[in-house]
Amino acid sequence: QVQLVESGGGLVQPGGSLRLSCAASGSVISGYAMSWYRQAPGNQRELVARITTDGSTNYADSVKGRFTISRDNGKNMVFLQMNSLKPEDTAVYYCKRAGGYWGQGTQVTVSS
């Protein structure tokens, strides 16, 4: 059974940073693309960043230059480093493994 558990969310001031982690169990992530999505209240869930098995990455235009996705296959984990956070980044952030497996989400709130 594949399980993804996100952590690292919280309350941060505008301009601050957070690092989200996604720990996978029940499946080795090395053979799969991994993604981070987010969903703000009243909005659809949207792709934030994606990393392929060979380490290629792509990002939503709204986070390019501020967010960085990475993976540690040895630890079976994926990360999202978020810098220069803005209030509009406020959302629940979800980790996803290719094949339709989702974590439970972690709340990120950017507010002064």
Protein backbone atom coordinates (compact mmCIF):
# COMPACT_ATOMS: atom_id res chain seq x y z
CA GLN A 1 0.00 0.00 0.00
CA VAL A 2 1.49 3.31 -1.10
CA GLN A 3 1.49 6.01 1.52
CA LEU A 4 2.73 9.59 1.16
CA VAL A 5 3.09 11.81 4.21
CA GLU A 6 3.78 15.53 3.87
CA SER A 7 5.32 17.70 6.56
CA GLY A 8 6.92 21.09 6.98
CA GLY A 9 3.95 23.37 6.49
CA GLY A 10 3.10 26.22 8.80
CA LEU A 11 2.63 29.95 9.18
CA VAL A 12 5.29 32.21 7.68
CA GLN A 13 5.55 35.92 6.97
CA PRO A 14 5.69 37.23 3.41
CA GLY A 15 9.21 36.92 2.08
CA GLY A 16 9.94 33.96 4.29
CA SER A 17 10.85 30.37 3.46
CA LEU A 18 9.58 26.90 4.16
CA ARG A 19 10.76 23.45 3.17
CA LEU A 20 8.14 20.81 2.62
CA SER A 21 8.96 17.12 2.81
CA CYS A 22 7.13 14.11 1.45
CA ALA A 23 8.00 10.69 2.84
CA ALA A 24 6.91 7.67 0.84
CA SER A 25 6.31 4.15 2.11
CA GLY A 26 4.98 1.03 0.48
CA SER A 27 6.66 2.00 -2.77
CA VAL A 28 10.12 2.96 -3.95
CA ILE A 29 9.85 6.39 -5.59
CA SER A 30 12.94 6.07 -7.75
CA GLY A 31 10.92 4.68 -10.65
CA TYR A 32 8.28 7.39 -10.65
CA ALA A 33 7.82 11.05 -11.38
CA MET A 34 6.86 12.97 -8.25
CA SER A 35 4.90 16.20 -8.00
CA TRP A 36 3.73 18.87 -5.60
CA TYR A 37 0.27 20.33 -6.02
CA ARG A 38 -1.59 22.96 -4.03
CA GLN A 39 -5.18 23.92 -3.44
CA ALA A 40 -6.37 27.21 -2.02
CA PRO A 41 -9.92 27.65 -0.69
CA GLY A 42 -12.36 27.99 -3.58
CA ASN A 43 -9.73 27.08 -6.14
CA GLN A 44 -8.95 23.95 -8.09
CA ARG A 45 -5.93 21.89 -7.20
CA GLU A 46 -3.00 23.04 -9.32
CA LEU A 47 0.40 21.65 -10.20
CA VAL A 48 3.24 23.50 -8.49
CA ALA A 49 6.30 21.46 -9.45
CA ARG A 50 7.22 18.11 -10.92
CA ILE A 51 10.41 16.07 -10.98
CA THR A 52 11.01 13.11 -13.28
CA THR A 53 12.99 9.98 -12.58
CA ASP A 54 16.09 11.50 -14.20
CA GLY A 55 15.79 14.71 -12.19
CA SER A 56 14.26 16.96 -14.82
CA THR A 57 11.98 19.57 -13.29
CA ASN A 58 9.19 21.87 -14.32
CA TYR A 59 7.32 24.53 -12.40
CA ALA A 60 4.18 26.57 -12.50
CA ASP A 61 4.91 30.06 -13.82
CA SER A 62 3.77 31.55 -10.51
CA VAL A 63 6.56 29.83 -8.55
CA LYS A 64 9.45 29.79 -11.03
CA GLY A 65 12.59 31.19 -9.50
CA ARG A 66 11.21 30.89 -5.98
CA PHE A 67 10.46 27.19 -5.46
CA THR A 68 12.75 24.22 -5.97
CA ILE A 69 11.68 20.58 -6.09
CA SER A 70 14.19 17.85 -5.32
CA ARG A 71 14.24 14.17 -4.53
CA ASP A 72 16.34 11.81 -2.44
CA ASN A 73 15.70 8.33 -3.75
CA GLY A 74 17.87 6.79 -1.06
CA LYS A 75 15.60 8.24 1.62
CA ASN A 76 12.48 7.74 -0.50
CA MET A 77 11.61 11.40 -0.08
CA VAL A 78 10.71 14.45 -2.14
CA PHE A 79 11.15 18.06 -1.06
CA LEU A 80 9.85 21.47 -2.00
CA GLN A 81 11.99 24.44 -0.98
CA MET A 82 9.85 27.56 -1.03
CA ASN A 83 11.52 30.97 -0.85
CA SER A 84 10.22 34.51 -1.14
CA LEU A 85 6.79 33.33 -0.12
CA LYS A 86 3.78 35.47 -0.96
CA PRO A 87 0.27 35.55 0.55
CA GLU A 88 -1.04 34.03 -2.67
CA ASP A 89 1.06 30.93 -1.96
CA THR A 90 -1.29 30.13 0.92
CA ALA A 91 -2.82 26.71 0.27
CA VAL A 92 -2.80 23.07 1.26
CA TYR A 93 0.18 21.46 -0.45
CA TYR A 94 -0.03 17.86 -1.61
CA CYS A 95 2.58 15.36 -2.68
CA LYS A 96 1.70 13.06 -5.57
CA ARG A 97 3.31 9.98 -7.03
CA ALA A 98 2.71 9.05 -10.63
CA GLY A 99 -0.14 6.57 -10.78
CA GLY A 100 -2.54 8.70 -8.78
CA TYR A 101 -1.25 8.39 -5.25
CA TRP A 102 -1.71 11.44 -3.01
CA GLY A 103 -0.68 12.47 0.44
CA GLN A 104 -3.03 14.04 2.97
CA GLY A 105 -1.63 17.53 2.51
CA THR A 106 0.11 20.11 4.66
CA GLN A 107 -1.16 23.65 5.24
CA VAL A 108 1.01 26.60 4.24
CA THR A 109 -0.14 30.03 5.35
CA VAL A 110 1.72 33.17 4.32
CA SER A 111 0.56 36.13 6.34
CA SER A 112 1.88 39.01 8.38
